[in-house]
Amino acid sequence: MKLYDTPLAPNPRRVRWFMAEKGIEDIEIVRMNLMEGTHKTPDYIARTGLPVVPALELDDGTTIAESLAICRYLESRYPEPNLFGRTPEETAQIEMWTRRAELLVATPFMHAVRHLHPAMAALEQQNPEIGAYSRDQALRALKVLDRRLAESTWLAADRLTIADIVGFIGIDFTRMLKLVIPEELTHLHRWAAAMRERPAAKVAM
């Protein structure tokens, strides 16, 4: 298998973190340069359908794009440690918090960086108003995660899951904007510190 990857971008980082948590080391990594448009070549798009990274090419030539789809596939191939749920009830909770982490926090923060960081002008027709609105929307949504983390060590289960990976990487991406998490979100700070201490955090940079 081959993983088409690129540094810095949050979606590829999700897959790298996921692989690190599972100890997956037998997948070839193909580095893509987004600034040079290597994800927009006709050959690449013919395989992925869209100019997106990451993408996982299977041994039979099938290509899976989208970070969560890739992680779900890898979960089936490398089932331990479990990161998507062991029972129907746990799986549903993890899915719920993954969706909340992605839609309420990670995606708006990604839009904020794409529209507000000067280096992103090469990839985005920037609109500062969209960037500021997205940033403020995600900052407000952090309270949702903080309330959850007041009652649970992790976002979705009694251990780290894909929900934590999605949420943390979305938040951590804002370091490009030098964004500061409000001090009063103490439970979120505790959780973020625990995420930064995981070995996978260093591998997935």
C-alpha atoms as a PDB file:
ATOM      1  CA  MET A   1       0.000   0.000   0.000  1.00  0.00           C
ATOM      2  CA  LYS A   2       0.994   3.612  -0.576  1.00  0.00           C
ATOM      3  CA  LEU A   3      -0.087   6.657   1.430  1.00  0.00           C
ATOM      4  CA  TYR A   4      -0.002   9.948  -0.442  1.00  0.00           C
ATOM      5  CA  ASP A   5       0.884  12.395   2.291  1.00  0.00           C
ATOM      6  CA  THR A   6       1.969  15.982   2.856  1.00  0.00           C
ATOM      7  CA  PRO A   7       3.399  17.718   5.939  1.00  0.00           C
ATOM      8  CA  LEU A   8       1.636  20.447   7.948  1.00  0.00           C
ATOM      9  CA  ALA A   9      -1.874  19.891   6.538  1.00  0.00           C
ATOM     10  CA  PRO A  10      -4.278  18.600   9.227  1.00  0.00           C
ATOM     11  CA  ASN A  11      -6.104  15.853   7.311  1.00  0.00           C
ATOM     12  CA  PRO A  12      -2.936  13.928   6.376  1.00  0.00           C
ATOM     13  CA  ARG A  13      -1.748  14.417   9.941  1.00  0.00           C
ATOM     14  CA  ARG A  14      -4.844  12.588  11.187  1.00  0.00           C
ATOM     15  CA  VAL A  15      -3.823   9.507   9.241  1.00  0.00           C
ATOM     16  CA  ARG A  16      -0.176   9.707  10.362  1.00  0.00           C
ATOM     17  CA  TRP A  17      -1.306   9.993  14.002  1.00  0.00           C
ATOM     18  CA  PHE A  18      -3.733   7.097  13.574  1.00  0.00           C
ATOM     19  CA  MET A  19      -1.004   4.932  12.059  1.00  0.00           C
ATOM     20  CA  ALA A  20       1.401   5.861  14.853  1.00  0.00           C
ATOM     21  CA  GLU A  21      -1.119   4.886  17.553  1.00  0.00           C
ATOM     22  CA  LYS A  22      -1.495   1.482  15.878  1.00  0.00           C
ATOM     23  CA  GLY A  23       2.192   1.040  15.109  1.00  0.00           C
ATOM     24  CA  ILE A  24       1.559   0.712  11.360  1.00  0.00           C
ATOM     25  CA  GLU A  25       4.918   0.859   9.595  1.00  0.00           C
ATOM     26  CA  ASP A  26       4.445  -1.276   6.479  1.00  0.00           C
ATOM     27  CA  ILE A  27       2.839   1.364   4.249  1.00  0.00           C
ATOM     28  CA  GLU A  28       4.962   3.261   1.732  1.00  0.00           C
ATOM     29  CA  ILE A  29       4.773   7.038   2.163  1.00  0.00           C
ATOM     30  CA  VAL A  30       4.672   9.177  -0.981  1.00  0.00           C
ATOM     31  CA  ARG A  31       5.263  12.861  -0.204  1.00  0.00           C
ATOM     32  CA  MET A  32       3.149  15.380  -2.092  1.00  0.00           C
ATOM     33  CA  ASN A  33       3.980  19.078  -2.475  1.00  0.00           C
ATOM     34  CA  LEU A  34       0.744  21.049  -2.397  1.00  0.00           C
ATOM     35  CA  MET A  35       2.440  24.339  -3.153  1.00  0.00           C
ATOM     36  CA  GLU A  36       3.761  22.833  -6.377  1.00  0.00           C
ATOM     37  CA  GLY A  37       0.373  21.343  -7.224  1.00  0.00           C
ATOM     38  CA  THR A  38       1.417  17.695  -7.293  1.00  0.00           C
ATOM     39  CA  HIS A  39      -2.077  16.790  -6.053  1.00  0.00           C
ATOM     40  CA  LYS A  40      -3.628  18.418  -9.134  1.00  0.00           C
ATOM     41  CA  THR A  41      -1.951  16.390 -11.860  1.00  0.00           C
ATOM     42  CA  PRO A  42      -4.292  14.476 -14.208  1.00  0.00           C
ATOM     43  CA  ASP A  43      -2.787  11.141 -13.163  1.00  0.00           C
ATOM     44  CA  TYR A  44      -3.340  11.789  -9.450  1.00  0.00           C
ATOM     45  CA  ILE A  45      -6.892  13.076  -9.892  1.00  0.00           C
ATOM     46  CA  ALA A  46      -7.711  10.084 -12.092  1.00  0.00           C
ATOM     47  CA  ARG A  47      -6.979   7.887  -9.080  1.00  0.00           C
ATOM     48  CA  THR A  48      -8.491  10.001  -6.292  1.00  0.00           C
ATOM     49  CA  GLY A  49     -11.374  11.719  -8.083  1.00  0.00           C
ATOM     50  CA  LEU A  50     -10.486  15.041  -6.457  1.00  0.00           C
ATOM     51  CA  PRO A  51      -7.249  16.973  -5.825  1.00  0.00           C
ATOM     52  CA  VAL A  52      -7.104  15.910  -2.172  1.00  0.00           C
ATOM     53  CA  VAL A  53      -4.481  14.605   0.224  1.00  0.00           C
ATOM     54  CA  PRO A  54      -4.241  12.134   1.914  1.00  0.00           C
ATOM     55  CA  ALA A  55      -5.045   9.167  -0.287  1.00  0.00           C
ATOM     56  CA  LEU A  56      -4.349   5.500   0.286  1.00  0.00           C
ATOM     57  CA  GLU A  57      -3.568   3.317  -2.733  1.00  0.00           C
ATOM     58  CA  LEU A  58      -4.227  -0.358  -2.070  1.00  0.00           C
ATOM     59  CA  ASP A  59      -2.218  -3.208  -3.546  1.00  0.00           C
ATOM     60  CA  ASP A  60      -4.931  -3.871  -6.145  1.00  0.00           C
ATOM     61  CA  GLY A  61      -4.826  -0.262  -7.340  1.00  0.00           C
ATOM     62  CA  THR A  62      -7.975   0.876  -5.539  1.00  0.00           C
ATOM     63  CA  THR A  63      -7.527   4.348  -4.053  1.00  0.00           C
ATOM     64  CA  ILE A  64      -9.280   5.589  -0.916  1.00  0.00           C
ATOM     65  CA  ALA A  65      -9.349   9.334  -0.331  1.00  0.00           C
ATOM     66  CA  GLU A  66     -10.575  11.320   2.729  1.00  0.00           C
ATOM     67  CA  SER A  67      -8.801  10.924   6.045  1.00  0.00           C
ATOM     68  CA  LEU A  68     -11.589   9.285   8.037  1.00  0.00           C
ATOM     69  CA  ALA A  69     -12.340   6.785   5.272  1.00  0.00           C
ATOM     70  CA  ILE A  70      -8.654   5.842   5.237  1.00  0.00           C
ATOM     71  CA  CYS A  71      -8.601   5.463   9.005  1.00  0.00           C
ATOM     72  CA  ARG A  72     -11.718   3.265   8.965  1.00  0.00           C
ATOM     73  CA  TYR A  73     -10.101   1.020   6.378  1.00  0.00           C
ATOM     74  CA  LEU A  74      -6.893   0.790   8.396  1.00  0.00           C
ATOM     75  CA  GLU A  75      -8.920  -0.016  11.519  1.00  0.00           C
ATOM     76  CA  SER A  76     -10.308  -3.081   9.736  1.00  0.00           C
ATOM     77  CA  ARG A  77      -6.845  -4.161   8.637  1.00  0.00           C
ATOM     78  CA  TYR A  78      -5.095  -3.344  11.919  1.00  0.00           C
ATOM     79  CA  PRO A  79      -7.815  -3.759  14.576  1.00  0.00           C
ATOM     80  CA  GLU A  80      -5.713  -3.104  17.687  1.00  0.00           C
ATOM     81  CA  PRO A  81      -5.660  -0.830  19.522  1.00  0.00           C
ATOM     82  CA  ASN A  82      -9.295  -0.125  18.794  1.00  0.00           C
ATOM     83  CA  LEU A  83      -9.980   3.509  17.893  1.00  0.00           C
ATOM     84  CA  PHE A  84     -13.465   3.367  16.338  1.00  0.00           C
ATOM     85  CA  GLY A  85     -15.468   1.376  18.894  1.00  0.00           C
ATOM     86  CA  ARG A  86     -15.873  -2.167  20.206  1.00  0.00           C
ATOM     87  CA  THR A  87     -19.646  -2.313  20.715  1.00  0.00           C
ATOM     88  CA  PRO A  88     -22.532  -0.745  18.778  1.00  0.00           C
ATOM     89  CA  GLU A  89     -23.116   1.697  21.638  1.00  0.00           C
ATOM     90  CA  GLU A  90     -19.471   2.717  21.910  1.00  0.00           C
ATOM     91  CA  THR A  91     -19.118   2.985  18.138  1.00  0.00           C
ATOM     92  CA  ALA A  92     -22.103   5.342  18.018  1.00  0.00           C
ATOM     93  CA  GLN A  93     -20.671   7.548  20.771  1.00  0.00           C
ATOM     94  CA  ILE A  94     -17.319   7.741  19.012  1.00  0.00           C
ATOM     95  CA  GLU A  95     -19.035   8.589  15.721  1.00  0.00           C
ATOM     96  CA  MET A  96     -21.073  11.307  17.429  1.00  0.00           C
ATOM     97  CA  TRP A  97     -18.064  12.988  19.020  1.00  0.00           C
ATOM     98  CA  THR A  98     -15.966  12.611  15.895  1.00  0.00           C
ATOM     99  CA  ARG A  99     -18.666  14.445  13.938  1.00  0.00           C
ATOM    100  CA  ARG A 100     -18.889  17.177  16.565  1.00  0.00           C
ATOM    101  CA  ALA A 101     -15.120  17.571  16.742  1.00  0.00           C
ATOM    102  CA  GLU A 102     -14.889  17.804  12.953  1.00  0.00           C
ATOM    103  CA  LEU A 103     -17.916  19.951  12.119  1.00  0.00           C
ATOM    104  CA  LEU A 104     -17.886  22.317  15.093  1.00  0.00           C
ATOM    105  CA  VAL A 105     -14.142  22.758  15.631  1.00  0.00           C
ATOM    106  CA  ALA A 106     -11.737  21.203  13.130  1.00  0.00           C
ATOM    107  CA  THR A 107     -13.390  22.328   9.891  1.00  0.00           C
ATOM    108  CA  PRO A 108     -13.978  25.961  10.927  1.00  0.00           C
ATOM    109  CA  PHE A 109     -10.424  26.224  12.246  1.00  0.00           C
ATOM    110  CA  MET A 110      -9.117  24.842   8.932  1.00  0.00           C
ATOM    111  CA  HIS A 111     -11.130  27.484   7.074  1.00  0.00           C
ATOM    112  CA  ALA A 112      -9.738  30.140   9.397  1.00  0.00           C
ATOM    113  CA  VAL A 113      -6.148  29.172   8.642  1.00  0.00           C
ATOM    114  CA  ARG A 114      -6.779  28.898   4.906  1.00  0.00           C
ATOM    115  CA  HIS A 115      -8.343  32.351   4.753  1.00  0.00           C
ATOM    116  CA  LEU A 116      -6.179  34.213   7.272  1.00  0.00           C
ATOM    117  CA  HIS A 117      -2.635  32.841   6.958  1.00  0.00           C
ATOM    118  CA  PRO A 118      -0.596  34.644   4.260  1.00  0.00           C
ATOM    119  CA  ALA A 119       1.105  31.458   3.048  1.00  0.00           C
ATOM    120  CA  MET A 120      -2.283  29.930   2.220  1.00  0.00           C
ATOM    121  CA  ALA A 121      -2.925  32.544  -0.456  1.00  0.00           C
ATOM    122  CA  ALA A 122      -1.168  30.217  -2.902  1.00  0.00           C
ATOM    123  CA  LEU A 123      -3.900  27.605  -2.344  1.00  0.00           C
ATOM    124  CA  GLU A 124      -6.967  29.657  -1.521  1.00  0.00           C
ATOM    125  CA  GLN A 125      -8.845  32.669  -2.859  1.00  0.00           C
ATOM    126  CA  GLN A 126      -8.740  34.206   0.587  1.00  0.00           C
ATOM    127  CA  ASN A 127     -11.573  36.085   2.236  1.00  0.00           C
ATOM    128  CA  PRO A 128     -10.594  37.517   5.647  1.00  0.00           C
ATOM    129  CA  GLU A 129     -14.237  37.822   6.684  1.00  0.00           C
ATOM    130  CA  ILE A 130     -14.789  34.093   6.150  1.00  0.00           C
ATOM    131  CA  GLY A 131     -11.585  33.385   8.066  1.00  0.00           C
ATOM    132  CA  ALA A 132     -12.528  35.560  11.034  1.00  0.00           C
ATOM    133  CA  TYR A 133     -16.082  34.182  11.171  1.00  0.00           C
ATOM    134  CA  SER A 134     -14.828  30.577  11.040  1.00  0.00           C
ATOM    135  CA  ARG A 135     -12.232  31.242  13.742  1.00  0.00           C
ATOM    136  CA  ASP A 136     -14.772  32.808  16.090  1.00  0.00           C
ATOM    137  CA  GLN A 137     -17.314  30.051  15.413  1.00  0.00           C
ATOM    138  CA  ALA A 138     -14.786  27.361  16.336  1.00  0.00           C
ATOM    139  CA  LEU A 139     -13.640  29.234  19.433  1.00  0.00           C
ATOM    140  CA  ARG A 140     -17.215  29.300  20.702  1.00  0.00           C
ATOM    141  CA  ALA A 141     -17.603  25.598  19.957  1.00  0.00           C
ATOM    142  CA  LEU A 142     -14.586  24.757  22.121  1.00  0.00           C
ATOM    143  CA  LYS A 143     -16.921  25.174  25.090  1.00  0.00           C
ATOM    144  CA  VAL A 144     -18.802  22.085  23.908  1.00  0.00           C
ATOM    145  CA  LEU A 145     -15.638  20.007  24.070  1.00  0.00           C
ATOM    146  CA  ASP A 146     -14.668  21.526  27.427  1.00  0.00           C
ATOM    147  CA  ARG A 147     -18.023  20.551  28.949  1.00  0.00           C
ATOM    148  CA  ARG A 148     -17.610  17.007  27.678  1.00  0.00           C
ATOM    149  CA  LEU A 149     -14.059  16.794  29.002  1.00  0.00           C
ATOM    150  CA  ALA A 150     -15.243  17.934  32.428  1.00  0.00           C
ATOM    151  CA  GLU A 151     -16.910  14.538  32.754  1.00  0.00           C
ATOM    152  CA  SER A 152     -14.566  12.343  30.729  1.00  0.00           C
ATOM    153  CA  THR A 153     -10.817  11.967  30.327  1.00  0.00           C
ATOM    154  CA  TRP A 154     -11.269  11.507  26.568  1.00  0.00           C
ATOM    155  CA  LEU A 155     -13.853  12.856  24.173  1.00  0.00           C
ATOM    156  CA  ALA A 156     -15.770   9.720  23.274  1.00  0.00           C
ATOM    157  CA  ALA A 157     -14.700   6.686  25.310  1.00  0.00           C
ATOM    158  CA  ASP A 158     -12.573   5.513  28.220  1.00  0.00           C
ATOM    159  CA  ARG A 159      -9.488   5.735  26.003  1.00  0.00           C
ATOM    160  CA  LEU A 160      -8.141   7.758  23.112  1.00  0.00           C
ATOM    161  CA  THR A 161     -10.184   7.317  19.915  1.00  0.00           C
ATOM    162  CA  ILE A 162     -10.412   8.833  16.463  1.00  0.00           C
ATOM    163  CA  ALA A 163     -12.582  11.605  17.958  1.00  0.00           C
ATOM    164  CA  ASP A 164      -9.649  12.840  20.047  1.00  0.00           C
ATOM    165  CA  ILE A 165      -7.310  12.744  17.061  1.00  0.00           C
ATOM    166  CA  VAL A 166      -9.703  14.760  14.887  1.00  0.00           C
ATOM    167  CA  GLY A 167     -10.426  17.301  17.607  1.00  0.00           C
ATOM    168  CA  PHE A 168      -6.869  17.865  18.738  1.00  0.00           C
ATOM    169  CA  ILE A 169      -5.339  18.166  15.279  1.00  0.00           C
ATOM    170  CA  GLY A 170      -8.036  20.655  14.291  1.00  0.00           C
ATOM    171  CA  ILE A 171      -7.213  22.791  17.311  1.00  0.00           C
ATOM    172  CA  ASP A 172      -3.454  22.381  17.012  1.00  0.00           C
ATOM    173  CA  PHE A 173      -3.547  23.541  13.374  1.00  0.00           C
ATOM    174  CA  THR A 174      -4.349  27.027  14.666  1.00  0.00           C
ATOM    175  CA  ARG A 175      -0.773  27.390  15.882  1.00  0.00           C
ATOM    176  CA  MET A 176      -0.238  28.805  12.387  1.00  0.00           C
ATOM    177  CA  LEU A 177      -2.401  31.743  13.508  1.00  0.00           C
ATOM    178  CA  LYS A 178      -0.842  31.865  16.985  1.00  0.00           C
ATOM    179  CA  LEU A 179      -4.342  31.353  18.365  1.00  0.00           C
ATOM    180  CA  VAL A 180      -4.621  31.028  22.148  1.00  0.00           C
ATOM    181  CA  ILE A 181      -7.214  28.732  23.717  1.00  0.00           C
ATOM    182  CA  PRO A 182      -9.166  30.657  26.381  1.00  0.00           C
ATOM    183  CA  GLU A 183      -7.713  30.020  29.836  1.00  0.00           C
ATOM    184  CA  GLU A 184     -11.099  29.252  31.377  1.00  0.00           C
ATOM    185  CA  LEU A 185     -11.395  26.091  29.283  1.00  0.00           C
ATOM    186  CA  THR A 186      -9.386  24.169  31.862  1.00  0.00           C
ATOM    187  CA  HIS A 187     -10.601  20.697  30.911  1.00  0.00           C
ATOM    188  CA  LEU A 188      -9.734  21.309  27.273  1.00  0.00           C
ATOM    189  CA  HIS A 189      -6.246  22.458  28.300  1.00  0.00           C
ATOM    190  CA  ARG A 190      -5.756  19.311  30.394  1.00  0.00           C
ATOM    191  CA  TRP A 191      -6.807  17.087  27.488  1.00  0.00           C
ATOM    192  CA  ALA A 192      -4.682  18.980  24.953  1.00  0.00           C
ATOM    193  CA  ALA A 193      -1.626  18.623  27.186  1.00  0.00           C
ATOM    194  CA  ALA A 194      -2.232  14.870  27.415  1.00  0.00           C
ATOM    195  CA  MET A 195      -2.516  14.669  23.627  1.00  0.00           C
ATOM    196  CA  ARG A 196       0.785  16.516  23.140  1.00  0.00           C
ATOM    197  CA  GLU A 197       2.513  14.037  25.459  1.00  0.00           C
ATOM    198  CA  ARG A 198       1.547  10.991  23.401  1.00  0.00           C
ATOM    199  CA  PRO A 199       4.372   9.495  21.333  1.00  0.00           C
ATOM    200  CA  ALA A 200       2.133   9.666  18.253  1.00  0.00           C
ATOM    201  CA  ALA A 201       1.998  13.450  18.554  1.00  0.00           C
ATOM    202  CA  LYS A 202       5.714  13.684  17.817  1.00  0.00           C
ATOM    203  CA  VAL A 203       5.645  11.094  15.034  1.00  0.00           C
ATOM    204  CA  ALA A 204       2.689  12.741  13.322  1.00  0.00           C
ATOM    205  CA  MET A 205       4.104  16.257  13.092  1.00  0.00           C
END
